Amino acid sequence: MPKITAASNGAQRAETQRRILTAFGELLFTHGLPGLTMTDVARHAGVGRTAVYNYYADIEELLIAYALVETERFLAELREALDRLDNPVERLALYVRAQVEDLSRRHLPPGPAMAAVMSPSSFARLADHVSELSVMLQGILRDGMEQGYFPEADIAQQAQLIHGTLSSSAARGSDEPLELEARIARTVRFIQLGAGARFDDDGRPVRVGQSPAVAG
């Protein structure tokens, strides 16, 4: 029987960890966090319970690991997509769409629920990571104000209100594709208008104070 090399052993460990995190995410989506056990995760991942404990001490540690991995993936994909757009109103639409789709798919518990099941130090780790999303959104709003597409406002407060709307939208309604798309479209336009964006008759963003009728 051939020996397992360090490289293949490392790859095997990475694959097992990936399966555990994937299983946890699927169970979080279908059953939610309350009552979820390490045994449930092990069974769904097709590994022994001991294998799960080799990576994570408890559900809290598994939850924080899953949230950090998913948030980092989301941030990387969102940055790449935003870099392809110039107009801040369109960038805000992309940010909102991506957030609602991601929140609807992952079904991570909202902040207060996460805080209730995590130690203060673990929740602080997640909060630091998620704060990057707020920085990203505030950058979009700031660019929009500087370019004249949004009226001047308290950027931090506006970002907080937008994130509250996003969480509410993701938690409501069906995830059936047509219903989800309609909900996303309503949320996008609601947030754009709430930020002060204006559009011409063809639906293109115009600068604040510019008459939609003569916008080119």
C-alpha atoms as a PDB file:
ATOM      1  CA  MET A   1       0.000   0.000   0.000  1.00  0.00           C
ATOM      2  CA  PRO A   2       1.560   3.351  -1.025  1.00  0.00           C
ATOM      3  CA  LYS A   3       2.419   5.836   1.667  1.00  0.00           C
ATOM      4  CA  ILE A   4       0.378   9.003   1.927  1.00  0.00           C
ATOM      5  CA  THR A   5       2.597  11.934   1.117  1.00  0.00           C
ATOM      6  CA  ALA A   6       2.414  15.179   3.040  1.00  0.00           C
ATOM      7  CA  ALA A   7       0.901  16.893   0.026  1.00  0.00           C
ATOM      8  CA  SER A   8      -1.864  14.332  -0.467  1.00  0.00           C
ATOM      9  CA  ASN A   9      -2.535  14.230   3.267  1.00  0.00           C
ATOM     10  CA  GLY A  10      -2.867  17.996   3.285  1.00  0.00           C
ATOM     11  CA  ALA A  11      -5.212  17.848   0.309  1.00  0.00           C
ATOM     12  CA  GLN A  12      -7.292  15.201   2.045  1.00  0.00           C
ATOM     13  CA  ARG A  13      -7.581  17.339   5.173  1.00  0.00           C
ATOM     14  CA  ALA A  14      -8.595  20.343   3.085  1.00  0.00           C
ATOM     15  CA  GLU A  15     -11.250  18.286   1.294  1.00  0.00           C
ATOM     16  CA  THR A  16     -12.638  16.974   4.591  1.00  0.00           C
ATOM     17  CA  GLN A  17     -12.794  20.499   5.989  1.00  0.00           C
ATOM     18  CA  ARG A  18     -14.523  21.719   2.839  1.00  0.00           C
ATOM     19  CA  ARG A  19     -17.120  18.950   3.132  1.00  0.00           C
ATOM     20  CA  ILE A  20     -17.770  19.835   6.764  1.00  0.00           C
ATOM     21  CA  LEU A  21     -18.262  23.535   6.015  1.00  0.00           C
ATOM     22  CA  THR A  22     -20.454  22.746   3.001  1.00  0.00           C
ATOM     23  CA  ALA A  23     -22.589  20.384   5.062  1.00  0.00           C
ATOM     24  CA  PHE A  24     -22.927  22.966   7.822  1.00  0.00           C
ATOM     25  CA  GLY A  25     -24.012  25.616   5.317  1.00  0.00           C
ATOM     26  CA  GLU A  26     -26.614  23.319   3.767  1.00  0.00           C
ATOM     27  CA  LEU A  27     -28.045  22.410   7.170  1.00  0.00           C
ATOM     28  CA  LEU A  28     -28.071  26.065   8.187  1.00  0.00           C
ATOM     29  CA  PHE A  29     -30.110  26.801   5.053  1.00  0.00           C
ATOM     30  CA  THR A  30     -32.597  23.946   5.452  1.00  0.00           C
ATOM     31  CA  HIS A  31     -32.955  23.680   9.245  1.00  0.00           C
ATOM     32  CA  GLY A  32     -31.520  26.844  10.772  1.00  0.00           C
ATOM     33  CA  LEU A  33     -29.084  27.143  13.664  1.00  0.00           C
ATOM     34  CA  PRO A  34     -31.266  26.249  16.705  1.00  0.00           C
ATOM     35  CA  GLY A  35     -30.856  22.595  17.594  1.00  0.00           C
ATOM     36  CA  LEU A  36     -28.114  21.954  15.032  1.00  0.00           C
ATOM     37  CA  THR A  37     -25.465  19.581  16.411  1.00  0.00           C
ATOM     38  CA  MET A  38     -21.998  18.439  15.450  1.00  0.00           C
ATOM     39  CA  THR A  39     -23.467  14.957  14.916  1.00  0.00           C
ATOM     40  CA  ASP A  40     -25.915  16.379  12.376  1.00  0.00           C
ATOM     41  CA  VAL A  41     -23.052  18.042  10.523  1.00  0.00           C
ATOM     42  CA  ALA A  42     -20.905  14.895  10.549  1.00  0.00           C
ATOM     43  CA  ARG A  43     -23.753  12.757   9.231  1.00  0.00           C
ATOM     44  CA  HIS A  44     -24.589  15.237   6.466  1.00  0.00           C
ATOM     45  CA  ALA A  45     -20.922  15.560   5.486  1.00  0.00           C
ATOM     46  CA  GLY A  46     -20.460  11.794   5.407  1.00  0.00           C
ATOM     47  CA  VAL A  47     -17.637  11.812   7.953  1.00  0.00           C
ATOM     48  CA  GLY A  48     -17.259  10.581  11.499  1.00  0.00           C
ATOM     49  CA  ARG A  49     -18.152  12.901  14.354  1.00  0.00           C
ATOM     50  CA  THR A  50     -14.548  12.681  15.573  1.00  0.00           C
ATOM     51  CA  ALA A  51     -13.402  14.086  12.242  1.00  0.00           C
ATOM     52  CA  VAL A  52     -15.562  17.170  12.765  1.00  0.00           C
ATOM     53  CA  TYR A  53     -14.093  17.686  16.239  1.00  0.00           C
ATOM     54  CA  ASN A  54     -10.601  17.423  14.761  1.00  0.00           C
ATOM     55  CA  TYR A  55     -11.298  20.750  13.040  1.00  0.00           C
ATOM     56  CA  TYR A  56     -13.826  22.534  15.223  1.00  0.00           C
ATOM     57  CA  ALA A  57     -14.370  22.332  18.970  1.00  0.00           C
ATOM     58  CA  ASP A  58     -18.094  23.134  18.880  1.00  0.00           C
ATOM     59  CA  ILE A  59     -20.918  24.631  16.853  1.00  0.00           C
ATOM     60  CA  GLU A  60     -19.804  28.164  17.718  1.00  0.00           C
ATOM     61  CA  GLU A  61     -16.360  27.581  16.255  1.00  0.00           C
ATOM     62  CA  LEU A  62     -17.891  25.941  13.193  1.00  0.00           C
ATOM     63  CA  LEU A  63     -20.296  28.842  12.738  1.00  0.00           C
ATOM     64  CA  ILE A  64     -17.567  31.472  12.906  1.00  0.00           C
ATOM     65  CA  ALA A  65     -15.371  29.499  10.483  1.00  0.00           C
ATOM     66  CA  TYR A  66     -18.233  29.148   8.012  1.00  0.00           C
ATOM     67  CA  ALA A  67     -19.199  32.809   8.296  1.00  0.00           C
ATOM     68  CA  LEU A  68     -15.619  34.007   7.784  1.00  0.00           C
ATOM     69  CA  VAL A  69     -15.018  31.768   4.766  1.00  0.00           C
ATOM     70  CA  GLU A  70     -18.300  32.751   3.144  1.00  0.00           C
ATOM     71  CA  THR A  71     -17.818  36.447   3.855  1.00  0.00           C
ATOM     72  CA  GLU A  72     -14.314  36.429   2.378  1.00  0.00           C
ATOM     73  CA  ARG A  73     -15.569  34.639  -0.735  1.00  0.00           C
ATOM     74  CA  PHE A  74     -18.416  37.101  -1.089  1.00  0.00           C
ATOM     75  CA  LEU A  75     -16.146  40.115  -0.644  1.00  0.00           C
ATOM     76  CA  ALA A  76     -13.703  38.908  -3.307  1.00  0.00           C
ATOM     77  CA  GLU A  77     -16.464  38.223  -5.844  1.00  0.00           C
ATOM     78  CA  LEU A  78     -18.210  41.517  -5.107  1.00  0.00           C
ATOM     79  CA  ARG A  79     -15.025  43.581  -5.445  1.00  0.00           C
ATOM     80  CA  GLU A  80     -14.321  41.998  -8.819  1.00  0.00           C
ATOM     81  CA  ALA A  81     -17.853  42.696 -10.064  1.00  0.00           C
ATOM     82  CA  LEU A  82     -17.888  46.294  -8.784  1.00  0.00           C
ATOM     83  CA  ASP A  83     -14.580  47.033 -10.495  1.00  0.00           C
ATOM     84  CA  ARG A  84     -16.302  46.466 -13.838  1.00  0.00           C
ATOM     85  CA  LEU A  85     -18.759  49.343 -13.252  1.00  0.00           C
ATOM     86  CA  ASP A  86     -18.135  53.097 -13.154  1.00  0.00           C
ATOM     87  CA  ASN A  87     -21.470  54.716 -12.336  1.00  0.00           C
ATOM     88  CA  PRO A  88     -22.094  54.784  -8.556  1.00  0.00           C
ATOM     89  CA  VAL A  89     -25.859  54.326  -8.950  1.00  0.00           C
ATOM     90  CA  GLU A  90     -25.258  51.148 -10.943  1.00  0.00           C
ATOM     91  CA  ARG A  91     -22.610  50.050  -8.447  1.00  0.00           C
ATOM     92  CA  LEU A  92     -25.124  50.507  -5.628  1.00  0.00           C
ATOM     93  CA  ALA A  93     -27.613  48.355  -7.557  1.00  0.00           C
ATOM     94  CA  LEU A  94     -25.014  45.618  -7.948  1.00  0.00           C
ATOM     95  CA  TYR A  95     -24.100  45.788  -4.261  1.00  0.00           C
ATOM     96  CA  VAL A  96     -27.749  45.500  -3.206  1.00  0.00           C
ATOM     97  CA  ARG A  97     -28.481  42.643  -5.612  1.00  0.00           C
ATOM     98  CA  ALA A  98     -25.407  40.696  -4.538  1.00  0.00           C
ATOM     99  CA  GLN A  99     -26.210  41.170  -0.858  1.00  0.00           C
ATOM    100  CA  VAL A 100     -29.831  40.031  -1.098  1.00  0.00           C
ATOM    101  CA  GLU A 101     -28.909  37.016  -3.227  1.00  0.00           C
ATOM    102  CA  ASP A 102     -26.107  36.030  -0.864  1.00  0.00           C
ATOM    103  CA  LEU A 103     -28.093  36.550   2.330  1.00  0.00           C
ATOM    104  CA  SER A 104     -31.020  34.594   0.883  1.00  0.00           C
ATOM    105  CA  ARG A 105     -28.748  31.709  -0.116  1.00  0.00           C
ATOM    106  CA  ARG A 106     -26.645  31.432   3.047  1.00  0.00           C
ATOM    107  CA  HIS A 107     -29.321  32.133   5.656  1.00  0.00           C
ATOM    108  CA  LEU A 108     -26.776  33.128   8.266  1.00  0.00           C
ATOM    109  CA  PRO A 109     -28.481  34.269  11.467  1.00  0.00           C
ATOM    110  CA  PRO A 110     -28.772  38.064  11.791  1.00  0.00           C
ATOM    111  CA  GLY A 111     -26.317  39.943  13.976  1.00  0.00           C
ATOM    112  CA  PRO A 112     -28.256  39.787  17.280  1.00  0.00           C
ATOM    113  CA  ALA A 113     -28.857  36.039  16.872  1.00  0.00           C
ATOM    114  CA  MET A 114     -25.183  35.467  16.084  1.00  0.00           C
ATOM    115  CA  ALA A 115     -24.175  37.437  19.160  1.00  0.00           C
ATOM    116  CA  ALA A 116     -26.472  35.296  21.307  1.00  0.00           C
ATOM    117  CA  VAL A 117     -24.706  32.043  20.392  1.00  0.00           C
ATOM    118  CA  MET A 118     -21.131  33.342  20.157  1.00  0.00           C
ATOM    119  CA  SER A 119     -18.622  34.422  22.741  1.00  0.00           C
ATOM    120  CA  PRO A 120     -17.797  38.157  22.635  1.00  0.00           C
ATOM    121  CA  SER A 121     -14.348  37.438  21.159  1.00  0.00           C
ATOM    122  CA  SER A 122     -15.757  35.258  18.351  1.00  0.00           C
ATOM    123  CA  PHE A 123     -18.465  37.778  17.522  1.00  0.00           C
ATOM    124  CA  ALA A 124     -15.837  40.535  17.443  1.00  0.00           C
ATOM    125  CA  ARG A 125     -13.834  38.539  14.869  1.00  0.00           C
ATOM    126  CA  LEU A 126     -16.862  38.269  12.638  1.00  0.00           C
ATOM    127  CA  ALA A 127     -17.840  41.906  13.156  1.00  0.00           C
ATOM    128  CA  ASP A 128     -14.385  43.055  12.081  1.00  0.00           C
ATOM    129  CA  HIS A 129     -14.636  40.972   8.916  1.00  0.00           C
ATOM    130  CA  VAL A 130     -18.171  42.072   8.051  1.00  0.00           C
ATOM    131  CA  SER A 131     -17.245  45.714   8.634  1.00  0.00           C
ATOM    132  CA  GLU A 132     -15.432  45.527   5.295  1.00  0.00           C
ATOM    133  CA  LEU A 133     -18.848  45.393   3.647  1.00  0.00           C
ATOM    134  CA  SER A 134     -19.837  48.631   5.330  1.00  0.00           C
ATOM    135  CA  VAL A 135     -16.599  50.268   4.166  1.00  0.00           C
ATOM    136  CA  MET A 136     -17.345  49.107   0.621  1.00  0.00           C
ATOM    137  CA  LEU A 137     -20.903  50.466   0.706  1.00  0.00           C
ATOM    138  CA  GLN A 138     -19.813  53.770   2.205  1.00  0.00           C
ATOM    139  CA  GLY A 139     -17.266  54.104  -0.599  1.00  0.00           C
ATOM    140  CA  ILE A 140     -20.018  53.681  -3.200  1.00  0.00           C
ATOM    141  CA  LEU A 141     -22.200  56.276  -1.485  1.00  0.00           C
ATOM    142  CA  ARG A 142     -19.296  58.696  -1.121  1.00  0.00           C
ATOM    143  CA  ASP A 143     -18.417  58.387  -4.816  1.00  0.00           C
ATOM    144  CA  GLY A 144     -22.058  58.974  -5.714  1.00  0.00           C
ATOM    145  CA  MET A 145     -22.210  62.144  -3.637  1.00  0.00           C
ATOM    146  CA  GLU A 146     -18.916  63.452  -4.984  1.00  0.00           C
ATOM    147  CA  GLN A 147     -20.028  62.822  -8.576  1.00  0.00           C
ATOM    148  CA  GLY A 148     -23.436  64.394  -7.975  1.00  0.00           C
ATOM    149  CA  TYR A 149     -25.576  61.267  -8.327  1.00  0.00           C
ATOM    150  CA  PHE A 150     -26.633  61.240  -4.648  1.00  0.00           C
ATOM    151  CA  PRO A 151     -27.442  64.282  -2.487  1.00  0.00           C
ATOM    152  CA  GLU A 152     -25.164  64.964   0.460  1.00  0.00           C
ATOM    153  CA  ALA A 153     -26.076  62.896   3.533  1.00  0.00           C
ATOM    154  CA  ASP A 154     -24.594  61.200   6.588  1.00  0.00           C
ATOM    155  CA  ILE A 155     -22.811  58.323   4.837  1.00  0.00           C
ATOM    156  CA  ALA A 156     -22.354  56.077   7.880  1.00  0.00           C
ATOM    157  CA  GLN A 157     -26.007  56.438   8.894  1.00  0.00           C
ATOM    158  CA  GLN A 158     -27.193  55.849   5.348  1.00  0.00           C
ATOM    159  CA  ALA A 159     -25.088  52.680   5.068  1.00  0.00           C
ATOM    160  CA  GLN A 160     -26.553  51.404   8.329  1.00  0.00           C
ATOM    161  CA  LEU A 161     -30.105  51.989   7.087  1.00  0.00           C
ATOM    162  CA  ILE A 162     -29.337  50.248   3.786  1.00  0.00           C
ATOM    163  CA  HIS A 163     -27.926  47.191   5.528  1.00  0.00           C
ATOM    164  CA  GLY A 164     -31.030  47.010   7.723  1.00  0.00           C
ATOM    165  CA  THR A 165     -33.216  47.047   4.608  1.00  0.00           C
ATOM    166  CA  LEU A 166     -31.091  44.335   2.997  1.00  0.00           C
ATOM    167  CA  SER A 167     -31.417  42.011   5.991  1.00  0.00           C
ATOM    168  CA  SER A 168     -35.181  42.522   6.047  1.00  0.00           C
ATOM    169  CA  SER A 169     -35.532  41.888   2.320  1.00  0.00           C
ATOM    170  CA  ALA A 170     -33.464  38.707   2.437  1.00  0.00           C
ATOM    171  CA  ALA A 171     -35.537  37.329   5.310  1.00  0.00           C
ATOM    172  CA  ARG A 172     -38.917  37.896   3.643  1.00  0.00           C
ATOM    173  CA  GLY A 173     -40.725  36.002   0.927  1.00  0.00           C
ATOM    174  CA  SER A 174     -40.054  32.959  -1.187  1.00  0.00           C
ATOM    175  CA  ASP A 175     -36.710  31.988  -2.707  1.00  0.00           C
ATOM    176  CA  GLU A 176     -38.494  30.755  -5.825  1.00  0.00           C
ATOM    177  CA  PRO A 177     -36.523  32.347  -8.715  1.00  0.00           C
ATOM    178  CA  LEU A 178     -39.240  34.633 -10.079  1.00  0.00           C
ATOM    179  CA  GLU A 179     -40.312  35.820  -6.637  1.00  0.00           C
ATOM    180  CA  LEU A 180     -36.709  36.333  -5.547  1.00  0.00           C
ATOM    181  CA  GLU A 181     -35.927  38.329  -8.687  1.00  0.00           C
ATOM    182  CA  ALA A 182     -38.998  40.545  -8.181  1.00  0.00           C
ATOM    183  CA  ARG A 183     -38.046  41.103  -4.540  1.00  0.00           C
ATOM    184  CA  ILE A 184     -34.474  41.978  -5.492  1.00  0.00           C
ATOM    185  CA  ALA A 185     -35.649  44.431  -8.166  1.00  0.00           C
ATOM    186  CA  ARG A 186     -37.960  46.168  -5.670  1.00  0.00           C
ATOM    187  CA  THR A 187     -35.212  46.328  -3.067  1.00  0.00           C
ATOM    188  CA  VAL A 188     -32.684  47.723  -5.544  1.00  0.00           C
ATOM    189  CA  ARG A 189     -34.963  50.535  -6.676  1.00  0.00           C
ATOM    190  CA  PHE A 190     -36.164  51.280  -3.135  1.00  0.00           C
ATOM    191  CA  ILE A 191     -32.592  51.682  -1.891  1.00  0.00           C
ATOM    192  CA  GLN A 192     -31.456  53.658  -4.925  1.00  0.00           C
ATOM    193  CA  LEU A 193     -34.323  56.108  -4.501  1.00  0.00           C
ATOM    194  CA  GLY A 194     -33.785  56.219  -0.752  1.00  0.00           C
ATOM    195  CA  ALA A 195     -30.174  57.226  -1.366  1.00  0.00           C
ATOM    196  CA  GLY A 196     -31.470  60.054  -3.592  1.00  0.00           C
ATOM    197  CA  ALA A 197     -30.760  58.581  -7.029  1.00  0.00           C
ATOM    198  CA  ARG A 198     -32.780  59.925  -9.943  1.00  0.00           C
ATOM    199  CA  PHE A 199     -33.370  58.457 -13.407  1.00  0.00           C
ATOM    200  CA  ASP A 200     -34.328  59.663 -16.891  1.00  0.00           C
ATOM    201  CA  ASP A 201     -37.263  58.306 -18.889  1.00  0.00           C
ATOM    202  CA  ASP A 202     -35.116  55.411 -20.108  1.00  0.00           C
ATOM    203  CA  GLY A 203     -34.139  54.420 -16.569  1.00  0.00           C
ATOM    204  CA  ARG A 204     -30.589  55.770 -16.762  1.00  0.00           C
ATOM    205  CA  PRO A 205     -29.098  57.481 -13.689  1.00  0.00           C
ATOM    206  CA  VAL A 206     -28.924  61.284 -13.831  1.00  0.00           C
ATOM    207  CA  ARG A 207     -27.153  63.690 -11.532  1.00  0.00           C
ATOM    208  CA  VAL A 208     -29.101  65.341  -8.747  1.00  0.00           C
ATOM    209  CA  GLY A 209     -30.722  68.563 -10.016  1.00  0.00           C
ATOM    210  CA  GLN A 210     -30.473  67.466 -13.647  1.00  0.00           C
ATOM    211  CA  SER A 211     -33.855  67.396 -15.370  1.00  0.00           C
ATOM    212  CA  PRO A 212     -34.766  63.826 -16.376  1.00  0.00           C
ATOM    213  CA  ALA A 213     -36.561  65.186 -19.428  1.00  0.00           C
ATOM    214  CA  VAL A 214     -33.369  66.611 -20.937  1.00  0.00           C
ATOM    215  CA  ALA A 215     -30.935  64.037 -19.604  1.00  0.00           C
ATOM    216  CA  GLY A 216     -28.794  62.515 -22.320  1.00  0.00           C
END
